[in-house]
């Protein structure tokens, strides 16, 4: 080895010389990132020129993959959560995630006994959003209890719920007590207890 420089000057002597140049493949870095609270990315690292890099974006619970952004310009470069490309230069790329919707179902076990607010059947709500839930008994009925998707009873008529997954609430009503008023016309005849 007479030099490791890309440029080498040699003075030719009588009789000449054989010089051989040896080349190594260029290595580039693929830097892949994501907001760690929303998800992660695998596949970043060092690659030789022309090698195929495969990046995979994995969302955290409550999020879904949206798109890939060029790390320097911030422009959208791809949409599938797993993407492959030929490495030609150092590359910065960022996975973009967004909150996913979870379904909320709120209903009355018997609509003749009462209604619910909001009256929703599978409506989507953003992860960690809050929803006010109310039971409204019809005339002659009173609130009894709610049951959630896991069979848990809730004894509070109106409450707020944070959406952390697909959620269902069913309200049960019971007949309302009917007030009875009694009077004794003649106390000499007896009393009512």
C-alpha atoms as a PDB file:
ATOM      1  CA  UNK A   1       0.000   0.000   0.000  1.00  0.00           C
ATOM      2  CA  UNK A   2       1.588   3.227  -1.111  1.00  0.00           C
ATOM      3  CA  UNK A   3      -1.358   5.531  -0.316  1.00  0.00           C
ATOM      4  CA  UNK A   4      -4.915   5.551   1.112  1.00  0.00           C
ATOM      5  CA  UNK A   5      -5.696   8.903  -0.515  1.00  0.00           C
ATOM      6  CA  UNK A   6      -8.104   9.057  -3.463  1.00  0.00           C
ATOM      7  CA  UNK A   7      -5.524  11.181  -5.285  1.00  0.00           C
ATOM      8  CA  UNK A   8      -1.968   9.823  -5.580  1.00  0.00           C
ATOM      9  CA  UNK A   9       0.942  11.329  -7.490  1.00  0.00           C
ATOM     10  CA  UNK A  10       3.682   9.027  -8.649  1.00  0.00           C
ATOM     11  CA  UNK A  11       6.865   9.794 -10.517  1.00  0.00           C
ATOM     12  CA  UNK A  12       7.423   7.208 -13.187  1.00  0.00           C
ATOM     13  CA  UNK A  13      10.896   5.766 -13.177  1.00  0.00           C
ATOM     14  CA  UNK A  14      12.660   4.021 -16.029  1.00  0.00           C
ATOM     15  CA  UNK A  15      11.215   0.594 -16.411  1.00  0.00           C
ATOM     16  CA  UNK A  16       7.728   1.692 -15.279  1.00  0.00           C
ATOM     17  CA  UNK A  17       5.575   0.422 -12.439  1.00  0.00           C
ATOM     18  CA  UNK A  18       2.296  -1.406 -11.957  1.00  0.00           C
ATOM     19  CA  UNK A  19      -0.115   0.455  -9.726  1.00  0.00           C
ATOM     20  CA  UNK A  20      -3.416  -1.126  -8.682  1.00  0.00           C
ATOM     21  CA  UNK A  21      -6.276   0.870  -7.126  1.00  0.00           C
ATOM     22  CA  UNK A  22      -8.526  -0.939  -4.647  1.00  0.00           C
ATOM     23  CA  UNK A  23     -11.985   0.402  -3.824  1.00  0.00           C
ATOM     24  CA  UNK A  24     -14.339  -0.230  -0.908  1.00  0.00           C
ATOM     25  CA  UNK A  25     -18.067   0.107  -1.074  1.00  0.00           C
ATOM     26  CA  UNK A  26     -19.532   3.284   0.387  1.00  0.00           C
ATOM     27  CA  UNK A  27     -21.496   2.880   3.600  1.00  0.00           C
ATOM     28  CA  UNK A  28     -24.479   5.064   4.401  1.00  0.00           C
ATOM     29  CA  UNK A  29     -26.595   5.568   7.517  1.00  0.00           C
ATOM     30  CA  UNK A  30     -30.385   5.273   7.529  1.00  0.00           C
ATOM     31  CA  UNK A  31     -31.687   7.111  10.586  1.00  0.00           C
ATOM     32  CA  UNK A  32     -35.329   6.256  11.317  1.00  0.00           C
ATOM     33  CA  UNK A  33     -37.227   7.916  14.174  1.00  0.00           C
ATOM     34  CA  UNK A  34     -40.674   8.324  15.715  1.00  0.00           C
ATOM     35  CA  UNK A  35     -42.287   9.989  18.713  1.00  0.00           C
ATOM     36  CA  UNK A  36     -41.659   7.230  21.314  1.00  0.00           C
ATOM     37  CA  UNK A  37     -44.987   7.934  23.033  1.00  0.00           C
ATOM     38  CA  UNK A  38     -46.781   7.110  19.777  1.00  0.00           C
ATOM     39  CA  UNK A  39     -44.757   4.211  18.351  1.00  0.00           C
ATOM     40  CA  UNK A  40     -41.405   2.831  17.278  1.00  0.00           C
ATOM     41  CA  UNK A  41     -39.413   2.155  14.103  1.00  0.00           C
ATOM     42  CA  UNK A  42     -37.113  -0.730  13.253  1.00  0.00           C
ATOM     43  CA  UNK A  43     -34.696  -1.130  10.340  1.00  0.00           C
ATOM     44  CA  UNK A  44     -32.434   1.902  10.698  1.00  0.00           C
ATOM     45  CA  UNK A  45     -28.666   1.449  10.635  1.00  0.00           C
ATOM     46  CA  UNK A  46     -25.632   1.246   8.339  1.00  0.00           C
ATOM     47  CA  UNK A  47     -26.058   0.015   4.749  1.00  0.00           C
ATOM     48  CA  UNK A  48     -23.754  -0.377   1.781  1.00  0.00           C
ATOM     49  CA  UNK A  49     -24.557   1.631  -1.351  1.00  0.00           C
ATOM     50  CA  UNK A  50     -27.457  -0.007  -3.241  1.00  0.00           C
ATOM     51  CA  UNK A  51     -28.466  -2.318  -0.372  1.00  0.00           C
ATOM     52  CA  UNK A  52     -32.153  -2.599   0.482  1.00  0.00           C
ATOM     53  CA  UNK A  53     -33.271  -1.052   3.770  1.00  0.00           C
ATOM     54  CA  UNK A  54     -36.637  -2.147   5.175  1.00  0.00           C
ATOM     55  CA  UNK A  55     -38.228   0.109   7.778  1.00  0.00           C
ATOM     56  CA  UNK A  56     -41.207  -0.982   9.864  1.00  0.00           C
ATOM     57  CA  UNK A  57     -43.320   1.412  11.944  1.00  0.00           C
ATOM     58  CA  UNK A  58     -45.121  -0.107  14.928  1.00  0.00           C
ATOM     59  CA  UNK A  59     -47.739   2.089  16.648  1.00  0.00           C
ATOM     60  CA  UNK A  60     -48.108   2.211  20.428  1.00  0.00           C
ATOM     61  CA  UNK A  61     -51.517   1.315  21.874  1.00  0.00           C
ATOM     62  CA  UNK A  62     -54.056   4.013  21.025  1.00  0.00           C
ATOM     63  CA  UNK A  63     -52.228   5.126  17.871  1.00  0.00           C
ATOM     64  CA  UNK A  64     -52.111   4.103  14.224  1.00  0.00           C
ATOM     65  CA  UNK A  65     -49.503   4.624  11.541  1.00  0.00           C
ATOM     66  CA  UNK A  66     -50.188   7.594   9.249  1.00  0.00           C
ATOM     67  CA  UNK A  67     -47.161   8.125   6.941  1.00  0.00           C
ATOM     68  CA  UNK A  68     -43.391   8.507   6.562  1.00  0.00           C
ATOM     69  CA  UNK A  69     -41.781  11.963   6.388  1.00  0.00           C
ATOM     70  CA  UNK A  70     -38.408  12.884   4.929  1.00  0.00           C
ATOM     71  CA  UNK A  71     -36.418  13.798   8.041  1.00  0.00           C
ATOM     72  CA  UNK A  72     -34.896  16.957   6.591  1.00  0.00           C
ATOM     73  CA  UNK A  73     -37.636  18.432   4.408  1.00  0.00           C
ATOM     74  CA  UNK A  74     -40.623  17.067   6.373  1.00  0.00           C
ATOM     75  CA  UNK A  75     -42.382  15.998   3.164  1.00  0.00           C
ATOM     76  CA  UNK A  76     -44.398  12.793   2.864  1.00  0.00           C
ATOM     77  CA  UNK A  77     -42.320  10.081   1.221  1.00  0.00           C
ATOM     78  CA  UNK A  78     -44.464   6.962   1.686  1.00  0.00           C
ATOM     79  CA  UNK A  79     -47.573   5.629   3.371  1.00  0.00           C
ATOM     80  CA  UNK A  80     -47.271   1.873   4.051  1.00  0.00           C
ATOM     81  CA  UNK A  81     -46.156   1.091   7.617  1.00  0.00           C
ATOM     82  CA  UNK A  82     -43.452  -1.184   6.213  1.00  0.00           C
ATOM     83  CA  UNK A  83     -41.387   0.178   3.351  1.00  0.00           C
ATOM     84  CA  UNK A  84     -38.255  -0.892   1.515  1.00  0.00           C
ATOM     85  CA  UNK A  85     -35.901   1.254  -0.550  1.00  0.00           C
ATOM     86  CA  UNK A  86     -32.464   1.132  -2.137  1.00  0.00           C
ATOM     87  CA  UNK A  87     -29.911   3.074  -0.054  1.00  0.00           C
ATOM     88  CA  UNK A  88     -27.997   5.644  -2.154  1.00  0.00           C
ATOM     89  CA  UNK A  89     -27.109   8.221   0.513  1.00  0.00           C
ATOM     90  CA  UNK A  90     -27.419   9.003   4.226  1.00  0.00           C
ATOM     91  CA  UNK A  91     -31.154   9.131   4.910  1.00  0.00           C
ATOM     92  CA  UNK A  92     -33.262  10.680   7.686  1.00  0.00           C
ATOM     93  CA  UNK A  93     -36.853   9.448   7.847  1.00  0.00           C
ATOM     94  CA  UNK A  94     -39.566   9.806  10.502  1.00  0.00           C
ATOM     95  CA  UNK A  95     -42.649   7.671  11.099  1.00  0.00           C
ATOM     96  CA  UNK A  96     -45.760   9.755  11.775  1.00  0.00           C
ATOM     97  CA  UNK A  97     -48.507   8.274  13.948  1.00  0.00           C
ATOM     98  CA  UNK A  98     -51.948   9.617  14.857  1.00  0.00           C
ATOM     99  CA  UNK A  99     -54.474   8.779  17.553  1.00  0.00           C
ATOM    100  CA  UNK A 100     -56.852   6.056  16.500  1.00  0.00           C
ATOM    101  CA  UNK A 101     -60.592   6.051  17.038  1.00  0.00           C
ATOM    102  CA  UNK A 102     -62.254   3.625  19.426  1.00  0.00           C
ATOM    103  CA  UNK A 103     -65.942   2.791  19.267  1.00  0.00           C
ATOM    104  CA  UNK A 104     -68.312   3.877  22.011  1.00  0.00           C
ATOM    105  CA  UNK A 105     -71.692   2.210  22.364  1.00  0.00           C
ATOM    106  CA  UNK A 106     -74.118   3.648  24.918  1.00  0.00           C
ATOM    107  CA  UNK A 107     -77.635   2.218  25.034  1.00  0.00           C
ATOM    108  CA  UNK A 108     -80.629   1.425  27.208  1.00  0.00           C
ATOM    109  CA  UNK A 109     -81.405  -2.233  27.943  1.00  0.00           C
ATOM    110  CA  UNK A 110     -85.074  -1.302  27.377  1.00  0.00           C
ATOM    111  CA  UNK A 111     -85.761   1.977  25.530  1.00  0.00           C
ATOM    112  CA  UNK A 112     -89.323   1.951  26.904  1.00  0.00           C
ATOM    113  CA  UNK A 113     -87.886   2.444  30.412  1.00  0.00           C
ATOM    114  CA  UNK A 114     -85.439   5.235  29.581  1.00  0.00           C
ATOM    115  CA  UNK A 115     -82.861   6.713  27.212  1.00  0.00           C
ATOM    116  CA  UNK A 116     -79.172   7.572  27.242  1.00  0.00           C
ATOM    117  CA  UNK A 117     -77.084  10.636  26.424  1.00  0.00           C
ATOM    118  CA  UNK A 118     -75.175  10.419  24.185  1.00  0.00           C
ATOM    119  CA  UNK A 119     -77.246   7.917  22.208  1.00  0.00           C
ATOM    120  CA  UNK A 120     -74.321   6.261  20.405  1.00  0.00           C
ATOM    121  CA  UNK A 121     -73.910   2.943  18.702  1.00  0.00           C
ATOM    122  CA  UNK A 122     -70.288   2.372  17.730  1.00  0.00           C
ATOM    123  CA  UNK A 123     -69.385   6.033  17.256  1.00  0.00           C
ATOM    124  CA  UNK A 124     -65.634   6.671  17.058  1.00  0.00           C
ATOM    125  CA  UNK A 125     -63.856   8.707  19.718  1.00  0.00           C
ATOM    126  CA  UNK A 126     -60.171   9.605  19.914  1.00  0.00           C
ATOM    127  CA  UNK A 127     -57.922   7.704  22.312  1.00  0.00           C
ATOM    128  CA  UNK A 128     -57.910   9.267  25.813  1.00  0.00           C
ATOM    129  CA  UNK A 129     -60.803  11.651  25.017  1.00  0.00           C
ATOM    130  CA  UNK A 130     -63.524  12.163  27.657  1.00  0.00           C
ATOM    131  CA  UNK A 131     -67.265  11.599  27.146  1.00  0.00           C
ATOM    132  CA  UNK A 132     -70.099  12.487  29.557  1.00  0.00           C
ATOM    133  CA  UNK A 133     -72.584   9.602  29.942  1.00  0.00           C
ATOM    134  CA  UNK A 134     -76.125  10.143  31.290  1.00  0.00           C
ATOM    135  CA  UNK A 135     -79.108   7.895  32.003  1.00  0.00           C
ATOM    136  CA  UNK A 136     -82.536   9.506  31.526  1.00  0.00           C
ATOM    137  CA  UNK A 137     -85.410   7.438  32.970  1.00  0.00           C
ATOM    138  CA  UNK A 138     -88.863   7.687  31.409  1.00  0.00           C
ATOM    139  CA  UNK A 139     -91.892   8.502  33.544  1.00  0.00           C
ATOM    140  CA  UNK A 140     -92.593   5.695  35.997  1.00  0.00           C
ATOM    141  CA  UNK A 141     -88.989   4.428  35.989  1.00  0.00           C
ATOM    142  CA  UNK A 142     -85.816   5.154  37.930  1.00  0.00           C
ATOM    143  CA  UNK A 143     -82.133   4.539  37.254  1.00  0.00           C
ATOM    144  CA  UNK A 144     -80.893   1.172  38.544  1.00  0.00           C
ATOM    145  CA  UNK A 145     -77.314   0.608  37.218  1.00  0.00           C
ATOM    146  CA  UNK A 146     -74.990   0.533  34.187  1.00  0.00           C
ATOM    147  CA  UNK A 147     -73.049  -2.496  32.902  1.00  0.00           C
ATOM    148  CA  UNK A 148     -69.803  -2.038  30.945  1.00  0.00           C
ATOM    149  CA  UNK A 149     -68.325  -4.312  28.241  1.00  0.00           C
ATOM    150  CA  UNK A 150     -66.621  -6.435  30.930  1.00  0.00           C
ATOM    151  CA  UNK A 151     -69.808  -7.012  32.940  1.00  0.00           C
ATOM    152  CA  UNK A 152     -68.876  -4.545  35.691  1.00  0.00           C
ATOM    153  CA  UNK A 153     -71.792  -2.732  37.343  1.00  0.00           C
ATOM    154  CA  UNK A 154     -71.670   1.044  37.741  1.00  0.00           C
ATOM    155  CA  UNK A 155     -74.028   2.534  40.323  1.00  0.00           C
ATOM    156  CA  UNK A 156     -73.615   6.196  39.277  1.00  0.00           C
ATOM    157  CA  UNK A 157     -76.405   7.535  37.056  1.00  0.00           C
ATOM    158  CA  UNK A 158     -74.278  10.170  35.286  1.00  0.00           C
ATOM    159  CA  UNK A 159     -70.490   9.955  34.885  1.00  0.00           C
ATOM    160  CA  UNK A 160     -67.545  10.836  32.649  1.00  0.00           C
ATOM    161  CA  UNK A 161     -65.624   8.138  30.821  1.00  0.00           C
ATOM    162  CA  UNK A 162     -62.126   8.328  29.317  1.00  0.00           C
ATOM    163  CA  UNK A 163     -61.885   6.361  26.056  1.00  0.00           C
ATOM    164  CA  UNK A 164     -59.013   3.869  26.347  1.00  0.00           C
ATOM    165  CA  UNK A 165     -60.392   1.195  24.003  1.00  0.00           C
ATOM    166  CA  UNK A 166     -63.658   0.012  22.451  1.00  0.00           C
ATOM    167  CA  UNK A 167     -66.224   0.737  25.150  1.00  0.00           C
ATOM    168  CA  UNK A 168     -69.854  -0.270  25.773  1.00  0.00           C
ATOM    169  CA  UNK A 169     -72.263   0.862  28.466  1.00  0.00           C
ATOM    170  CA  UNK A 170     -75.811  -0.512  28.875  1.00  0.00           C
ATOM    171  CA  UNK A 171     -78.143   1.163  31.366  1.00  0.00           C
ATOM    172  CA  UNK A 172     -80.863  -0.657  33.302  1.00  0.00           C
ATOM    173  CA  UNK A 173     -83.904   1.062  34.759  1.00  0.00           C
ATOM    174  CA  UNK A 174     -86.347  -0.200  37.384  1.00  0.00           C
ATOM    175  CA  UNK A 175     -89.946   0.752  38.114  1.00  0.00           C
ATOM    176  CA  UNK A 176     -90.026   3.904  40.193  1.00  0.00           C
ATOM    177  CA  UNK A 177     -91.610   3.658  43.613  1.00  0.00           C
ATOM    178  CA  UNK A 178     -95.164   4.951  43.546  1.00  0.00           C
ATOM    179  CA  UNK A 179     -95.883   7.208  46.476  1.00  0.00           C
ATOM    180  CA  UNK A 180     -99.008   6.187  48.337  1.00  0.00           C
ATOM    181  CA  UNK A 181    -100.779   8.589  50.647  1.00  0.00           C
ATOM    182  CA  UNK A 182    -103.137   7.147  53.236  1.00  0.00           C
ATOM    183  CA  UNK A 183    -105.401   8.931  55.633  1.00  0.00           C
ATOM    184  CA  UNK A 184    -107.446   7.763  58.540  1.00  0.00           C
ATOM    185  CA  UNK A 185    -110.840   9.371  58.574  1.00  0.00           C
ATOM    186  CA  UNK A 186    -111.750   8.301  62.082  1.00  0.00           C
ATOM    187  CA  UNK A 187    -108.908   7.967  64.570  1.00  0.00           C
ATOM    188  CA  UNK A 188    -111.279   6.132  66.885  1.00  0.00           C
ATOM    189  CA  UNK A 189    -111.313   3.282  64.368  1.00  0.00           C
ATOM    190  CA  UNK A 190    -107.515   2.812  64.390  1.00  0.00           C
ATOM    191  CA  UNK A 191    -104.238   4.058  62.887  1.00  0.00           C
ATOM    192  CA  UNK A 192    -101.970   3.301  59.936  1.00  0.00           C
ATOM    193  CA  UNK A 193     -98.337   2.381  60.384  1.00  0.00           C
END
